[in-house]
Structures are given as C-alpha cells and as structure tokens.
Amino acid sequence: MEFLSIREFSAHPRKTQETLKRSGKIVLTNNGKPSMLVFDITGQDFEDLIDTINRAEAMRLLEEVQVQAVRGGLNFMTIDEINTEVAAARRKKGK
C-alpha cells in the first residue's frame, strides 16, 4: 500500500493517479499520520464497494464494542439465553 502526504496528493495529481492505478489504494497522510484512504474504483461496481466498506466498518465497530464490554466486565448473552428471555417475555405478555 502506498502512502502519500496530502500536500503531494494535491500538488501532483498525475503522479497520484498513476500511483493509485498501480497500487489500487493510497493512504493519505497529514503530518505523517494516516488520515484518509483512497481507492481506485475503475472497473468495480461502486455500490458493491461501498457496501463492502460499510460492512467492514460495522464489523470493526462491533469488535470494538465487544472489547470494551469485556474490559468493563460485561458479558454478552448467547443466542440460547436471548431466546429464553424472549420466550419468557412472550409468556408474561400472554398472561
């Protein structure tokens, strides 16, 4: 993966385009720190790419929440525990 500063990105658009074609993606840096990710979408279905990126971001956020919950001493319910709770709530509501 290629890294370019935001300054290089804006000052040399042709070089940026060539680098993007060659590597497929570029990380743009701001003061030496990753700031943005740029993808070459030539020949790709834009909607599929956006969907894939959104799913990856959702998975990353879920993992982050799970790590924070474990560190905080919280435990997640299993699917069986969830089903038991739902069944109990339905029985209670039906009375």
PDB file of N, CA and C in Angstrom:
ATOM      1  N   MET A   1       0.851  -1.174   0.000  1.00  0.00           N
ATOM      2  CA  MET A   1       0.000   0.000   0.000  1.00  0.00           C
ATOM      3  C   MET A   1       0.898   1.238   0.000  1.00  0.00           C
ATOM      4  N   GLU A   2       0.534   2.178  -0.822  1.00  0.00           N
ATOM      5  CA  GLU A   2       1.319   3.405  -0.968  1.00  0.00           C
ATOM      6  C   GLU A   2       0.844   4.463   0.030  1.00  0.00           C
ATOM      7  N   PHE A   3       1.774   5.282   0.499  1.00  0.00           N
ATOM      8  CA  PHE A   3       1.471   6.400   1.382  1.00  0.00           C
ATOM      9  C   PHE A   3       1.897   7.691   0.684  1.00  0.00           C
ATOM     10  N   LEU A   4       1.024   8.675   0.708  1.00  0.00           N
ATOM     11  CA  LEU A   4       1.328   9.993   0.152  1.00  0.00           C
ATOM     12  C   LEU A   4       0.833  11.052   1.134  1.00  0.00           C
ATOM     13  N   SER A   5       1.560  12.139   1.204  1.00  0.00           N
ATOM     14  CA  SER A   5       1.079  13.241   2.036  1.00  0.00           C
ATOM     15  C   SER A   5      -0.059  13.952   1.290  1.00  0.00           C
ATOM     16  N   ILE A   6      -0.895  14.595   2.025  1.00  0.00           N
ATOM     17  CA  ILE A   6      -1.992  15.354   1.409  1.00  0.00           C
ATOM     18  C   ILE A   6      -1.419  16.429   0.492  1.00  0.00           C
ATOM     19  N   ARG A   7      -0.297  16.984   0.872  1.00  0.00           N
ATOM     20  CA  ARG A   7       0.354  18.005   0.053  1.00  0.00           C
ATOM     21  C   ARG A   7       0.774  17.421  -1.300  1.00  0.00           C
ATOM     22  N   GLU A   8       1.401  16.231  -1.288  1.00  0.00           N
ATOM     23  CA  GLU A   8       1.788  15.572  -2.553  1.00  0.00           C
ATOM     24  C   GLU A   8       0.552  15.251  -3.388  1.00  0.00           C
ATOM     25  N   PHE A   9      -0.487  14.787  -2.715  1.00  0.00           N
ATOM     26  CA  PHE A   9      -1.729  14.417  -3.380  1.00  0.00           C
ATOM     27  C   PHE A   9      -2.293  15.582  -4.192  1.00  0.00           C
ATOM     28  N   SER A  10      -2.327  16.750  -3.574  1.00  0.00           N
ATOM     29  CA  SER A  10      -2.904  17.906  -4.268  1.00  0.00           C
ATOM     30  C   SER A  10      -1.924  18.584  -5.226  1.00  0.00           C
ATOM     31  N   ALA A  11      -0.639  18.494  -4.941  1.00  0.00           N
ATOM     32  CA  ALA A  11       0.355  19.165  -5.786  1.00  0.00           C
ATOM     33  C   ALA A  11       0.681  18.384  -7.060  1.00  0.00           C
ATOM     34  N   HIS A  12       0.536  17.066  -7.009  1.00  0.00           N
ATOM     35  CA  HIS A  12       0.912  16.227  -8.152  1.00  0.00           C
ATOM     36  C   HIS A  12      -0.203  15.243  -8.491  1.00  0.00           C
ATOM     37  N   PRO A  13      -1.308  15.750  -9.038  1.00  0.00           N
ATOM     38  CA  PRO A  13      -2.448  14.865  -9.309  1.00  0.00           C
ATOM     39  C   PRO A  13      -2.129  13.740 -10.306  1.00  0.00           C
ATOM     40  N   ARG A  14      -1.315  14.000 -11.308  1.00  0.00           N
ATOM     41  CA  ARG A  14      -0.975  12.962 -12.292  1.00  0.00           C
ATOM     42  C   ARG A  14      -0.205  11.826 -11.617  1.00  0.00           C
ATOM     43  N   LYS A  15       0.773  12.159 -10.791  1.00  0.00           N
ATOM     44  CA  LYS A  15       1.554  11.156 -10.065  1.00  0.00           C
ATOM     45  C   LYS A  15       0.630  10.355  -9.130  1.00  0.00           C
ATOM     46  N   THR A  16      -0.276  11.058  -8.488  1.00  0.00           N
ATOM     47  CA  THR A  16      -1.230  10.401  -7.586  1.00  0.00           C
ATOM     48  C   THR A  16      -2.075   9.404  -8.357  1.00  0.00           C
ATOM     49  N   GLN A  17      -2.552   9.814  -9.512  1.00  0.00           N
ATOM     50  CA  GLN A  17      -3.388   8.938 -10.339  1.00  0.00           C
ATOM     51  C   GLN A  17      -2.609   7.702 -10.781  1.00  0.00           C
ATOM     52  N   GLU A  18      -1.373   7.885 -11.186  1.00  0.00           N
ATOM     53  CA  GLU A  18      -0.537   6.757 -11.600  1.00  0.00           C
ATOM     54  C   GLU A  18      -0.275   5.798 -10.440  1.00  0.00           C
ATOM     55  N   THR A  19       0.004   6.358  -9.273  1.00  0.00           N
ATOM     56  CA  THR A  19       0.237   5.541  -8.082  1.00  0.00           C
ATOM     57  C   THR A  19      -1.023   4.766  -7.722  1.00  0.00           C
ATOM     58  N   LEU A  20      -2.152   5.403  -7.812  1.00  0.00           N
ATOM     59  CA  LEU A  20      -3.422   4.755  -7.496  1.00  0.00           C
ATOM     60  C   LEU A  20      -3.724   3.627  -8.469  1.00  0.00           C
ATOM     61  N   LYS A  21      -3.480   3.831  -9.740  1.00  0.00           N
ATOM     62  CA  LYS A  21      -3.688   2.776 -10.740  1.00  0.00           C
ATOM     63  C   LYS A  21      -2.785   1.575 -10.459  1.00  0.00           C
ATOM     64  N   ARG A  22      -1.547   1.851 -10.051  1.00  0.00           N
ATOM     65  CA  ARG A  22      -0.569   0.793  -9.811  1.00  0.00           C
ATOM     66  C   ARG A  22      -0.877   0.000  -8.536  1.00  0.00           C
ATOM     67  N   SER A  23      -1.223   0.691  -7.462  1.00  0.00           N
ATOM     68  CA  SER A  23      -1.368   0.003  -6.170  1.00  0.00           C
ATOM     69  C   SER A  23      -2.817  -0.295  -5.778  1.00  0.00           C
ATOM     70  N   GLY A  24      -3.785   0.388  -6.397  1.00  0.00           N
ATOM     71  CA  GLY A  24      -5.191   0.136  -6.087  1.00  0.00           C
ATOM     72  C   GLY A  24      -5.737   0.952  -4.935  1.00  0.00           C
ATOM     73  N   LYS A  25      -4.865   1.344  -4.019  1.00  0.00           N
ATOM     74  CA  LYS A  25      -5.298   2.200  -2.919  1.00  0.00           C
ATOM     75  C   LYS A  25      -4.109   2.984  -2.387  1.00  0.00           C
ATOM     76  N   ILE A  26      -4.404   4.143  -1.843  1.00  0.00           N
ATOM     77  CA  ILE A  26      -3.385   5.034  -1.301  1.00  0.00           C
ATOM     78  C   ILE A  26      -3.848   5.512   0.070  1.00  0.00           C
ATOM     79  N   VAL A  27      -2.919   5.535   1.007  1.00  0.00           N
ATOM     80  CA  VAL A  27      -3.185   6.141   2.304  1.00  0.00           C
ATOM     81  C   VAL A  27      -2.641   7.562   2.246  1.00  0.00           C
ATOM     82  N   LEU A  28      -3.510   8.523   2.500  1.00  0.00           N
ATOM     83  CA  LEU A  28      -3.073   9.918   2.556  1.00  0.00           C
ATOM     84  C   LEU A  28      -2.730  10.250   3.998  1.00  0.00           C
ATOM     85  N   THR A  29      -1.601  10.925   4.156  1.00  0.00           N
ATOM     86  CA  THR A  29      -1.157  11.276   5.497  1.00  0.00           C
ATOM     87  C   THR A  29      -1.230  12.781   5.710  1.00  0.00           C
ATOM     88  N   ASN A  30      -1.441  13.137   6.951  1.00  0.00           N
ATOM     89  CA  ASN A  30      -1.471  14.535   7.371  1.00  0.00           C
ATOM     90  C   ASN A  30      -0.509  14.636   8.549  1.00  0.00           C
ATOM     91  N   ASN A  31       0.558  15.396   8.374  1.00  0.00           N
ATOM     92  CA  ASN A  31       1.620  15.488   9.389  1.00  0.00           C
ATOM     93  C   ASN A  31       2.170  14.113   9.746  1.00  0.00           C
ATOM     94  N   GLY A  32       2.302  13.256   8.733  1.00  0.00           N
ATOM     95  CA  GLY A  32       2.891  11.936   8.928  1.00  0.00           C
ATOM     96  C   GLY A  32       1.959  10.878   9.484  1.00  0.00           C
ATOM     97  N   LYS A  33       0.719  11.234   9.764  1.00  0.00           N
ATOM     98  CA  LYS A  33      -0.235  10.271  10.324  1.00  0.00           C
ATOM     99  C   LYS A  33      -1.308   9.938   9.291  1.00  0.00           C
ATOM    100  N   PRO A  34      -1.689   8.657   9.197  1.00  0.00           N
ATOM    101  CA  PRO A  34      -2.749   8.285   8.249  1.00  0.00           C
ATOM    102  C   PRO A  34      -4.011   9.103   8.490  1.00  0.00           C
ATOM    103  N   SER A  35      -4.563   9.620   7.410  1.00  0.00           N
ATOM    104  CA  SER A  35      -5.724  10.488   7.520  1.00  0.00           C
ATOM    105  C   SER A  35      -6.886  10.020   6.645  1.00  0.00           C
ATOM    106  N   MET A  36      -6.585   9.530   5.448  1.00  0.00           N
ATOM    107  CA  MET A  36      -7.621   9.113   4.508  1.00  0.00           C
ATOM    108  C   MET A  36      -7.147   7.914   3.710  1.00  0.00           C
ATOM    109  N   LEU A  37      -8.123   7.172   3.190  1.00  0.00           N
ATOM    110  CA  LEU A  37      -7.831   6.038   2.323  1.00  0.00           C
ATOM    111  C   LEU A  37      -8.536   6.288   0.996  1.00  0.00           C
ATOM    112  N   VAL A  38      -7.783   6.211  -0.103  1.00  0.00           N
ATOM    113  CA  VAL A  38      -8.326   6.465  -1.432  1.00  0.00           C
ATOM    114  C   VAL A  38      -8.245   5.168  -2.231  1.00  0.00           C
ATOM    115  N   PHE A  39      -9.363   4.771  -2.857  1.00  0.00           N
ATOM    116  CA  PHE A  39      -9.425   3.551  -3.651  1.00  0.00           C
ATOM    117  C   PHE A  39      -9.540   3.873  -5.129  1.00  0.00           C
ATOM    118  N   ASP A  40      -8.933   3.027  -5.962  1.00  0.00           N
ATOM    119  CA  ASP A  40      -9.163   3.080  -7.400  1.00  0.00           C
ATOM    120  C   ASP A  40     -10.389   2.209  -7.663  1.00  0.00           C
ATOM    121  N   ILE A  41     -11.451   2.788  -8.188  1.00  0.00           N
ATOM    122  CA  ILE A  41     -12.678   2.023  -8.401  1.00  0.00           C
ATOM    123  C   ILE A  41     -12.922   1.714  -9.870  1.00  0.00           C
ATOM    124  N   THR A  42     -11.903   1.894 -10.701  1.00  0.00           N
ATOM    125  CA  THR A  42     -12.031   1.593 -12.124  1.00  0.00           C
ATOM    126  C   THR A  42     -12.416   0.128 -12.310  1.00  0.00           C
ATOM    127  N   GLY A  43     -13.492  -0.111 -13.048  1.00  0.00           N
ATOM    128  CA  GLY A  43     -13.909  -1.470 -13.351  1.00  0.00           C
ATOM    129  C   GLY A  43     -14.625  -2.179 -12.216  1.00  0.00           C
ATOM    130  N   GLN A  44     -14.890  -1.499 -11.120  1.00  0.00           N
ATOM    131  CA  GLN A  44     -15.589  -2.113  -9.993  1.00  0.00           C
ATOM    132  C   GLN A  44     -17.008  -1.559  -9.908  1.00  0.00           C
ATOM    133  N   ASP A  45     -17.881  -2.340  -9.328  1.00  0.00           N
ATOM    134  CA  ASP A  45     -19.234  -1.879  -9.078  1.00  0.00           C
ATOM    135  C   ASP A  45     -19.193  -0.983  -7.838  1.00  0.00           C
ATOM    136  N   PHE A  46     -19.456   0.287  -8.029  1.00  0.00           N
ATOM    137  CA  PHE A  46     -19.355   1.275  -6.951  1.00  0.00           C
ATOM    138  C   PHE A  46     -20.228   0.903  -5.759  1.00  0.00           C
ATOM    139  N   GLU A  47     -21.470   0.504  -6.024  1.00  0.00           N
ATOM    140  CA  GLU A  47     -22.382   0.164  -4.928  1.00  0.00           C
ATOM    141  C   GLU A  47     -21.872  -1.034  -4.127  1.00  0.00           C
ATOM    142  N   ASP A  48     -21.318  -2.040  -4.809  1.00  0.00           N
ATOM    143  CA  ASP A  48     -20.758  -3.203  -4.115  1.00  0.00           C
ATOM    144  C   ASP A  48     -19.575  -2.793  -3.244  1.00  0.00           C
ATOM    145  N   LEU A  49     -18.734  -1.917  -3.758  1.00  0.00           N
ATOM    146  CA  LEU A  49     -17.579  -1.456  -2.991  1.00  0.00           C
ATOM    147  C   LEU A  49     -18.021  -0.712  -1.741  1.00  0.00           C
ATOM    148  N   ILE A  50     -18.980   0.181  -1.882  1.00  0.00           N
ATOM    149  CA  ILE A  50     -19.487   0.936  -0.731  1.00  0.00           C
ATOM    150  C   ILE A  50     -20.102  -0.017   0.288  1.00  0.00           C
ATOM    151  N   ASP A  51     -20.864  -1.004  -0.182  1.00  0.00           N
ATOM    152  CA  ASP A  51     -21.469  -1.985   0.717  1.00  0.00           C
ATOM    153  C   ASP A  51     -20.395  -2.756   1.481  1.00  0.00           C
ATOM    154  N   THR A  52     -19.347  -3.161   0.792  1.00  0.00           N
ATOM    155  CA  THR A  52     -18.252  -3.891   1.432  1.00  0.00           C
ATOM    156  C   THR A  52     -17.556  -3.035   2.487  1.00  0.00           C
ATOM    157  N   ILE A  53     -17.311  -1.789   2.163  1.00  0.00           N
ATOM    158  CA  ILE A  53     -16.669  -0.874   3.110  1.00  0.00           C
ATOM    159  C   ILE A  53     -17.562  -0.667   4.331  1.00  0.00           C
ATOM    160  N   ASN A  54     -18.869  -0.485   4.110  1.00  0.00           N
ATOM    161  CA  ASN A  54     -19.791  -0.289   5.226  1.00  0.00           C
ATOM    162  C   ASN A  54     -19.845  -1.519   6.131  1.00  0.00           C
ATOM    163  N   ARG A  55     -19.858  -2.717   5.530  1.00  0.00           N
ATOM    164  CA  ARG A  55     -19.874  -3.941   6.337  1.00  0.00           C
ATOM    165  C   ARG A  55     -18.583  -4.085   7.137  1.00  0.00           C
ATOM    166  N   ALA A  56     -17.451  -3.755   6.525  1.00  0.00           N
ATOM    167  CA  ALA A  56     -16.170  -3.831   7.238  1.00  0.00           C
ATOM    168  C   ALA A  56     -16.148  -2.857   8.410  1.00  0.00           C
ATOM    169  N   GLU A  57     -16.661  -1.663   8.207  1.00  0.00           N
ATOM    170  CA  GLU A  57     -16.717  -0.668   9.278  1.00  0.00           C
ATOM    171  C   GLU A  57     -17.638  -1.137  10.403  1.00  0.00           C
ATOM    172  N   ALA A  58     -18.766  -1.732  10.059  1.00  0.00           N
ATOM    173  CA  ALA A  58     -19.683  -2.251  11.081  1.00  0.00           C
ATOM    174  C   ALA A  58     -19.020  -3.360  11.891  1.00  0.00           C
ATOM    175  N   MET A  59     -18.290  -4.239  11.228  1.00  0.00           N
ATOM    176  CA  MET A  59     -17.588  -5.315  11.933  1.00  0.00           C
ATOM    177  C   MET A  59     -16.515  -4.751  12.862  1.00  0.00           C
ATOM    178  N   ARG A  60     -15.805  -3.743  12.400  1.00  0.00           N
ATOM    179  CA  ARG A  60     -14.779  -3.110  13.230  1.00  0.00           C
ATOM    180  C   ARG A  60     -15.399  -2.482  14.469  1.00  0.00           C
ATOM    181  N   LEU A  61     -16.518  -1.808  14.299  1.00  0.00           N
ATOM    182  CA  LEU A  61     -17.198  -1.185  15.437  1.00  0.00           C
ATOM    183  C   LEU A  61     -17.734  -2.227  16.409  1.00  0.00           C
ATOM    184  N   LEU A  62     -18.287  -3.319  15.881  1.00  0.00           N
ATOM    185  CA  LEU A  62     -18.780  -4.388  16.738  1.00  0.00           C
ATOM    186  C   LEU A  62     -17.647  -4.977  17.572  1.00  0.00           C
ATOM    187  N   GLU A  63     -16.516  -5.237  16.942  1.00  0.00           N
ATOM    188  CA  GLU A  63     -15.369  -5.770  17.679  1.00  0.00           C
ATOM    189  C   GLU A  63     -14.912  -4.803  18.763  1.00  0.00           C
ATOM    190  N   GLU A  64     -14.927  -3.514  18.450  1.00  0.00           N
ATOM    191  CA  GLU A  64     -14.531  -2.502  19.423  1.00  0.00           C
ATOM    192  C   GLU A  64     -15.477  -2.497  20.626  1.00  0.00           C
ATOM    193  N   VAL A  65     -16.772  -2.592  20.374  1.00  0.00           N
ATOM    194  CA  VAL A  65     -17.768  -2.629  21.456  1.00  0.00           C
ATOM    195  C   VAL A  65     -17.576  -3.885  22.298  1.00  0.00           C
ATOM    196  N   GLN A  66     -17.330  -5.015  21.652  1.00  0.00           N
ATOM    197  CA  GLN A  66     -17.129  -6.267  22.384  1.00  0.00           C
ATOM    198  C   GLN A  66     -15.896  -6.191  23.268  1.00  0.00           C
ATOM    199  N   VAL A  67     -14.814  -5.637  22.762  1.00  0.00           N
ATOM    200  CA  VAL A  67     -13.594  -5.499  23.562  1.00  0.00           C
ATOM    201  C   VAL A  67     -13.852  -4.589  24.750  1.00  0.00           C
ATOM    202  N   GLN A  68     -14.524  -3.476  24.532  1.00  0.00           N
ATOM    203  CA  GLN A  68     -14.828  -2.556  25.632  1.00  0.00           C
ATOM    204  C   GLN A  68     -15.734  -3.214  26.666  1.00  0.00           C
ATOM    205  N   ALA A  69     -16.697  -4.007  26.210  1.00  0.00           N
ATOM    206  CA  ALA A  69     -17.608  -4.681  27.135  1.00  0.00           C
ATOM    207  C   ALA A  69     -16.860  -5.702  27.984  1.00  0.00           C
ATOM    208  N   VAL A  70     -15.968  -6.462  27.369  1.00  0.00           N
ATOM    209  CA  VAL A  70     -15.201  -7.464  28.120  1.00  0.00           C
ATOM    210  C   VAL A  70     -14.298  -6.777  29.131  1.00  0.00           C
ATOM    211  N   ARG A  71     -13.662  -5.708  28.731  1.00  0.00           N
ATOM    212  CA  ARG A  71     -12.798  -4.959  29.664  1.00  0.00           C
ATOM    213  C   ARG A  71     -13.596  -4.387  30.819  1.00  0.00           C
ATOM    214  N   GLY A  72     -14.847  -4.032  30.536  1.00  0.00           N
ATOM    215  CA  GLY A  72     -15.704  -3.473  31.581  1.00  0.00           C
ATOM    216  C   GLY A  72     -16.388  -4.541  32.419  1.00  0.00           C
ATOM    217  N   GLY A  73     -16.103  -5.805  32.160  1.00  0.00           N
ATOM    218  CA  GLY A  73     -16.675  -6.883  32.946  1.00  0.00           C
ATOM    219  C   GLY A  73     -18.050  -7.314  32.480  1.00  0.00           C
ATOM    220  N   LEU A  74     -18.496  -6.823  31.337  1.00  0.00           N
ATOM    221  CA  LEU A  74     -19.799  -7.208  30.825  1.00  0.00           C
ATOM    222  C   LEU A  74     -19.664  -8.475  29.991  1.00  0.00           C
ATOM    223  N   ASN A  75     -20.677  -9.291  30.020  1.00  0.00           N
ATOM    224  CA  ASN A  75     -20.694 -10.497  29.205  1.00  0.00           C
ATOM    225  C   ASN A  75     -21.863 -10.412  28.236  1.00  0.00           C
ATOM    226  N   PHE A  76     -21.668 -10.897  27.036  1.00  0.00           N
ATOM    227  CA  PHE A  76     -22.735 -10.919  26.059  1.00  0.00           C
ATOM    228  C   PHE A  76     -23.573 -12.174  26.247  1.00  0.00           C
ATOM    229  N   MET A  77     -24.851 -12.060  25.937  1.00  0.00           N
ATOM    230  CA  MET A  77     -25.746 -13.206  26.028  1.00  0.00           C
ATOM    231  C   MET A  77     -25.546 -14.112  24.821  1.00  0.00           C
ATOM    232  N   THR A  78     -25.683 -15.409  25.058  1.00  0.00           N
ATOM    233  CA  THR A  78     -25.653 -16.352  23.945  1.00  0.00           C
ATOM    234  C   THR A  78     -27.009 -16.322  23.260  1.00  0.00           C
ATOM    235  N   ILE A  79     -27.101 -16.919  22.082  1.00  0.00           N
ATOM    236  CA  ILE A  79     -28.372 -16.955  21.356  1.00  0.00           C
ATOM    237  C   ILE A  79     -29.413 -17.740  22.148  1.00  0.00           C
ATOM    238  N   ASP A  80     -28.973 -18.790  22.850  1.00  0.00           N
ATOM    239  CA  ASP A  80     -29.907 -19.565  23.678  1.00  0.00           C
ATOM    240  C   ASP A  80     -30.452 -18.720  24.827  1.00  0.00           C
ATOM    241  N   GLU A  81     -29.607 -17.926  25.450  1.00  0.00           N
ATOM    242  CA  GLU A  81     -30.049 -17.049  26.543  1.00  0.00           C
ATOM    243  C   GLU A  81     -31.020 -15.993  26.017  1.00  0.00           C
ATOM    244  N   ILE A  82     -30.754 -15.471  24.849  1.00  0.00           N
ATOM    245  CA  ILE A  82     -31.656 -14.477  24.244  1.00  0.00           C
ATOM    246  C   ILE A  82     -33.007 -15.115  23.954  1.00  0.00           C
ATOM    247  N   ASN A  83     -32.992 -16.303  23.362  1.00  0.00           N
ATOM    248  CA  ASN A  83     -34.249 -16.991  23.054  1.00  0.00           C
ATOM    249  C   ASN A  83     -35.047 -17.297  24.320  1.00  0.00           C
ATOM    250  N   THR A  84     -34.374 -17.677  25.391  1.00  0.00           N
ATOM    251  CA  THR A  84     -35.042 -17.942  26.671  1.00  0.00           C
ATOM    252  C   THR A  84     -35.701 -16.673  27.197  1.00  0.00           C
ATOM    253  N   GLU A  85     -34.994 -15.562  27.141  1.00  0.00           N
ATOM    254  CA  GLU A  85     -35.552 -14.280  27.604  1.00  0.00           C
ATOM    255  C   GLU A  85     -36.757 -13.865  26.764  1.00  0.00           C
ATOM    256  N   VAL A  86     -36.658 -14.029  25.452  1.00  0.00           N
ATOM    257  CA  VAL A  86     -37.768 -13.668  24.562  1.00  0.00           C
ATOM    258  C   VAL A  86     -38.983 -14.535  24.865  1.00  0.00           C
ATOM    259  N   ALA A  87     -38.768 -15.833  25.036  1.00  0.00           N
ATOM    260  CA  ALA A  87     -39.882 -16.750  25.347  1.00  0.00           C
ATOM    261  C   ALA A  87     -40.531 -16.373  26.668  1.00  0.00           C
ATOM    262  N   ALA A  88     -39.733 -16.045  27.673  1.00  0.00           N
ATOM    263  CA  ALA A  88     -40.279 -15.658  28.985  1.00  0.00           C
ATOM    264  C   ALA A  88     -41.089 -14.377  28.869  1.00  0.00           C
ATOM    265  N   ALA A  89     -40.595 -13.416  28.106  1.00  0.00           N
ATOM    266  CA  ALA A  89     -41.319 -12.152  27.931  1.00  0.00           C
ATOM    267  C   ALA A  89     -42.632 -12.381  27.203  1.00  0.00           C
ATOM    268  N   ARG A  90     -42.634 -13.273  26.224  1.00  0.00           N
ATOM    269  CA  ARG A  90     -43.868 -13.570  25.487  1.00  0.00           C
ATOM    270  C   ARG A  90     -44.881 -14.267  26.387  1.00  0.00           C
ATOM    271  N   ARG A  91     -44.402 -15.206  27.229  1.00  0.00           N
ATOM    272  CA  ARG A  91     -45.314 -15.887  28.168  1.00  0.00           C
ATOM    273  C   ARG A  91     -45.918 -14.874  29.142  1.00  0.00           C
ATOM    274  N   LYS A  92     -45.087 -13.972  29.640  1.00  0.00           N
ATOM    275  CA  LYS A  92     -45.544 -12.964  30.603  1.00  0.00           C
ATOM    276  C   LYS A  92     -46.585 -12.050  29.941  1.00  0.00           C
ATOM    277  N   LYS A  93     -46.315 -11.650  28.710  1.00  0.00           N
ATOM    278  CA  LYS A  93     -47.231 -10.760  27.989  1.00  0.00           C
ATOM    279  C   LYS A  93     -48.553 -11.449  27.697  1.00  0.00           C
ATOM    280  N   GLY A  94     -48.506 -12.766  27.468  1.00  0.00           N
ATOM    281  CA  GLY A  94     -49.723 -13.526  27.144  1.00  0.00           C
ATOM    282  C   GLY A  94     -50.629 -13.753  28.334  1.00  0.00           C
ATOM    283  N   LYS A  95     -50.174 -13.565  29.566  1.00  0.00           N
ATOM    284  CA  LYS A  95     -50.989 -13.820  30.771  1.00  0.00           C
ATOM    285  C   LYS A  95     -52.016 -12.765  30.973  1.00  0.00           C
TER     286      LYS A  95
END
